[in-house]
């Protein structure tokens, strides 16, 4: 038969790894794993030592805050600003509002027993009244027929600070409610600023005399400030 002829190749036997060969591969992999584990443990130990102990964390915070505000520099920065005592003094001199509600019983003795609206401010201080508003509420058709003009007075001397109209507590025989801004006393002879004195509400002339059985409630609002003398 003509043409290329196939030649039988020699049989090559299959080589099976021996136990010794497998041990070498296994040992090599172990060395690799062990090496990487050792490197990891080395870095982890260093990280834990530097960052996770209380002392290390405190040291890191202290270092981070270096060159920032210290107690002494903060005190120096605030020099010239208000202190707590200065702030307290400033707040007490700002305008304030005092109010009181007065019923029929107290109204009937309002001249002989004036009602305190603003308490005494303390030594070397005085109350300066800025405004006074009074609300009159009557649920009956009866009112008062005499001594019906309210007056805001300086508590110690009784000098007049402000006045209502003359018939504020009477003159209208019907149930009604009204607000009134009391006017500053026209007389310049009254002593309206007195050291450590309170402010009271009274009526001019004598105790109010009722006409029948009025059911009156007065709500008084005084805007004031404390001044240093």
Protein backbone atom coordinates (compact mmCIF):
# COMPACT_ATOMS: atom_id res chain seq x y z
CA UNK A 1 0.00 0.00 0.00
CA UNK A 2 1.34 3.33 -1.13
CA UNK A 3 1.11 6.70 0.76
CA UNK A 4 2.06 7.85 4.23
CA UNK A 5 2.33 5.20 6.76
CA UNK A 6 1.22 5.64 10.44
CA UNK A 7 3.88 4.74 12.90
CA UNK A 8 3.01 3.32 16.23
CA UNK A 9 4.33 5.62 19.00
CA UNK A 10 5.90 4.23 22.07
CA UNK A 11 3.62 3.85 25.00
CA UNK A 12 4.29 6.45 27.70
CA UNK A 13 3.41 5.35 31.15
CA UNK A 14 1.26 7.61 33.40
CA UNK A 15 3.16 9.02 36.39
CA UNK A 16 1.20 9.09 39.61
CA UNK A 17 2.44 11.60 42.28
CA UNK A 18 3.91 9.89 45.21
CA UNK A 19 3.19 10.66 48.85
CA UNK A 20 6.45 12.53 48.94
CA UNK A 21 5.38 14.81 46.08
CA UNK A 22 2.02 15.56 47.78
CA UNK A 23 3.75 16.39 51.03
CA UNK A 24 5.93 18.95 49.29
CA UNK A 25 2.89 20.72 47.75
CA UNK A 26 1.02 20.65 51.05
CA UNK A 27 3.99 21.96 52.93
CA UNK A 28 4.41 24.74 50.38
CA UNK A 29 0.78 25.84 50.80
CA UNK A 30 1.17 25.72 54.55
CA UNK A 31 4.23 27.93 54.39
CA UNK A 32 2.32 30.42 52.23
CA UNK A 33 -0.66 30.52 54.59
CA UNK A 34 1.59 30.72 57.59
CA UNK A 35 3.57 33.58 56.09
CA UNK A 36 0.49 35.67 55.27
CA UNK A 37 -1.04 34.91 58.68
CA UNK A 38 2.15 36.00 60.39
CA UNK A 39 2.22 39.27 58.46
CA UNK A 40 -1.47 39.91 59.27
CA UNK A 41 -0.95 39.15 62.94
CA UNK A 42 2.04 41.44 63.04
CA UNK A 43 0.10 44.39 61.64
CA UNK A 44 -3.00 43.64 63.71
CA UNK A 45 -0.98 43.48 66.91
CA UNK A 46 0.59 46.82 66.12
CA UNK A 47 -2.79 48.36 65.23
CA UNK A 48 -4.41 47.12 68.43
CA UNK A 49 -1.52 48.40 70.51
CA UNK A 50 -1.56 51.88 69.00
CA UNK A 51 -5.28 52.52 68.55
CA UNK A 52 -7.41 50.37 70.80
CA UNK A 53 -6.05 50.89 74.31
CA UNK A 54 -7.45 53.69 76.51
CA UNK A 55 -4.06 55.33 76.86
CA UNK A 56 -3.43 55.17 73.12
CA UNK A 57 -6.83 56.71 72.32
CA UNK A 58 -6.27 59.48 74.88
CA UNK A 59 -2.86 60.16 73.38
CA UNK A 60 -4.34 60.37 69.88
CA UNK A 61 -7.04 62.83 71.06
CA UNK A 62 -4.50 64.95 72.91
CA UNK A 63 -2.30 65.08 69.85
CA UNK A 64 -5.24 65.98 67.63
CA UNK A 65 -6.24 68.85 69.92
CA UNK A 66 -2.76 70.31 70.10
CA UNK A 67 -2.77 73.97 68.98
CA UNK A 68 -6.52 74.23 69.50
CA UNK A 69 -8.31 76.21 72.24
CA UNK A 70 -7.09 75.59 75.77
CA UNK A 71 -8.75 76.79 78.97
CA UNK A 72 -6.32 79.67 79.29
CA UNK A 73 -6.65 80.75 75.67
CA UNK A 74 -10.44 80.50 75.91
CA UNK A 75 -10.44 82.74 79.00
CA UNK A 76 -8.19 85.15 77.16
CA UNK A 77 -10.52 85.16 74.16
CA UNK A 78 -13.55 85.94 76.32
CA UNK A 79 -11.87 88.81 78.14
CA UNK A 80 -13.94 91.94 77.60
CA UNK A 81 -17.21 90.06 77.12
CA UNK A 82 -20.02 89.79 79.68
CA UNK A 83 -19.54 87.71 82.79
CA UNK A 84 -22.36 85.80 84.47
CA UNK A 85 -22.79 88.57 87.05
CA UNK A 86 -22.84 91.22 84.33
CA UNK A 87 -25.40 89.20 82.39
CA UNK A 88 -27.60 88.87 85.49
CA UNK A 89 -27.43 92.60 86.08
CA UNK A 90 -28.26 93.32 82.45
CA UNK A 91 -31.30 91.01 82.46
CA UNK A 92 -32.78 92.58 85.58
CA UNK A 93 -32.64 96.05 84.01
CA UNK A 94 -34.61 94.99 80.92
CA UNK A 95 -38.34 95.83 80.79
CA UNK A 96 -40.49 93.36 82.70
CA UNK A 97 -44.23 92.82 83.24
CA UNK A 98 -45.96 92.35 86.60
CA UNK A 99 -49.65 91.49 86.83
CA UNK A 100 -52.30 90.92 89.48
CA UNK A 101 -56.01 90.06 89.52
CA UNK A 102 -58.22 91.88 92.04
CA UNK A 103 -61.75 90.77 93.03
CA UNK A 104 -64.68 92.59 94.65
CA UNK A 105 -63.47 92.06 98.21
CA UNK A 106 -60.12 93.71 97.52
CA UNK A 107 -61.70 96.47 95.42
CA UNK A 108 -63.93 97.47 98.34
CA UNK A 109 -60.81 98.26 100.45
CA UNK A 110 -58.54 99.45 97.65
CA UNK A 111 -57.91 102.86 99.19
CA UNK A 112 -57.26 101.75 102.77
CA UNK A 113 -55.39 98.60 101.68
CA UNK A 114 -53.63 99.21 98.33
CA UNK A 115 -52.64 96.10 96.34
CA UNK A 116 -48.96 95.54 95.54
CA UNK A 117 -48.25 95.10 91.84
CA UNK A 118 -44.43 95.25 91.71
CA UNK A 119 -42.28 94.17 94.70
CA UNK A 120 -39.32 96.12 96.05
CA UNK A 121 -36.25 95.75 93.79
CA UNK A 122 -33.53 95.80 96.45
CA UNK A 123 -31.04 98.25 97.92
CA UNK A 124 -29.81 101.07 95.68
CA UNK A 125 -32.37 100.18 93.01
CA UNK A 126 -35.68 101.72 92.00
CA UNK A 127 -38.67 100.82 89.82
CA UNK A 128 -39.40 102.96 86.80
CA UNK A 129 -42.95 102.40 85.54
CA UNK A 130 -43.16 102.44 81.75
CA UNK A 131 -46.85 101.66 81.28
CA UNK A 132 -49.92 100.39 83.13
CA UNK A 133 -52.91 98.63 81.55
CA UNK A 134 -56.07 97.72 83.49
CA UNK A 135 -58.85 95.38 82.41
CA UNK A 136 -62.29 95.89 84.02
CA UNK A 137 -64.70 92.92 83.93
CA UNK A 138 -68.25 93.23 85.33
CA UNK A 139 -70.78 90.40 85.08
CA UNK A 140 -73.60 92.40 86.75
CA UNK A 141 -75.43 95.61 85.87
CA UNK A 142 -74.35 97.08 89.23
CA UNK A 143 -71.06 98.94 89.65
CA UNK A 144 -69.50 101.54 91.97
CA UNK A 145 -70.91 105.02 92.50
CA UNK A 146 -68.04 106.84 94.27
CA UNK A 147 -64.25 106.72 94.60
CA UNK A 148 -64.01 105.15 91.16
CA UNK A 149 -60.71 106.57 89.90
CA UNK A 150 -57.78 104.17 90.01
CA UNK A 151 -54.29 105.36 90.87
CA UNK A 152 -50.93 103.65 90.59
CA UNK A 153 -48.80 104.81 93.49
CA UNK A 154 -45.25 104.62 94.80
CA UNK A 155 -45.53 102.20 97.71
CA UNK A 156 -43.69 104.03 100.50
CA UNK A 157 -44.72 107.66 100.04
CA UNK A 158 -48.04 107.08 98.27
CA UNK A 159 -47.10 109.56 95.52
CA UNK A 160 -49.14 109.11 92.34
CA UNK A 161 -47.45 107.60 89.27
CA UNK A 162 -50.47 107.10 86.97
CA UNK A 163 -54.24 107.68 86.96
CA UNK A 164 -57.31 106.23 85.26
CA UNK A 165 -60.28 108.32 84.21
CA UNK A 166 -62.44 109.46 87.11
CA UNK A 167 -65.36 107.02 86.62
CA UNK A 168 -63.40 103.93 85.68
CA UNK A 169 -65.12 101.69 88.27
CA UNK A 170 -68.61 103.06 87.60
CA UNK A 171 -70.79 105.13 85.35
CA UNK A 172 -72.03 102.33 83.07
CA UNK A 173 -75.01 100.34 84.34
CA UNK A 174 -74.49 97.26 82.18
CA UNK A 175 -72.27 94.21 82.00
CA UNK A 176 -69.12 95.07 80.10
CA UNK A 177 -65.39 94.64 79.75
CA UNK A 178 -62.88 97.37 78.98
CA UNK A 179 -59.16 97.98 78.86
CA UNK A 180 -57.51 101.22 79.87
CA UNK A 181 -53.96 102.53 79.63
CA UNK A 182 -53.50 104.62 82.74
CA UNK A 183 -51.98 108.04 82.14
CA UNK A 184 -48.88 109.29 83.91
CA UNK A 185 -49.61 111.74 86.68
CA UNK A 186 -49.43 115.32 85.42
CA UNK A 187 -47.94 116.74 88.62
CA UNK A 188 -44.16 117.02 88.63
CA UNK A 189 -44.18 117.41 92.41
CA UNK A 190 -44.76 113.73 93.07
CA UNK A 191 -41.77 111.57 93.88
CA UNK A 192 -42.17 108.72 91.39
CA UNK A 193 -38.69 107.18 91.73
CA UNK A 194 -37.90 105.98 95.26
CA UNK A 195 -35.05 103.67 96.27
CA UNK A 196 -36.14 100.10 97.05
CA UNK A 197 -39.87 100.92 96.98
CA UNK A 198 -42.70 98.80 95.62
CA UNK A 199 -45.56 99.83 93.30
CA UNK A 200 -49.21 99.56 94.36
CA UNK A 201 -52.72 100.06 92.99
CA UNK A 202 -55.22 102.18 94.92
CA UNK A 203 -58.18 104.53 94.32
CA UNK A 204 -58.48 108.28 94.81
CA UNK A 205 -60.49 109.67 97.74
CA UNK A 206 -61.54 106.61 99.72
CA UNK A 207 -62.73 103.04 99.41
CA UNK A 208 -65.10 102.45 96.45
CA UNK A 209 -68.80 102.45 97.34
CA UNK A 210 -70.85 99.89 95.41
CA UNK A 211 -74.15 100.56 93.71
CA UNK A 212 -76.03 97.33 94.42
CA UNK A 213 -73.99 94.13 94.06
CA UNK A 214 -71.35 94.51 91.36
CA UNK A 215 -69.30 91.48 90.32
CA UNK A 216 -66.12 93.20 89.19
CA UNK A 217 -62.69 91.78 88.45
CA UNK A 218 -59.68 93.99 87.77
CA UNK A 219 -56.62 92.69 85.94
CA UNK A 220 -53.66 95.04 86.22
CA UNK A 221 -50.53 94.83 84.06
CA UNK A 222 -47.52 97.04 84.83
CA UNK A 223 -44.57 97.29 82.46
CA UNK A 224 -41.49 98.46 84.33
CA UNK A 225 -37.73 98.34 84.55
CA UNK A 226 -35.33 98.30 87.46
CA UNK A 227 -32.77 101.11 87.50
CA UNK A 228 -29.60 101.38 89.57
CA UNK A 229 -29.38 104.49 91.72
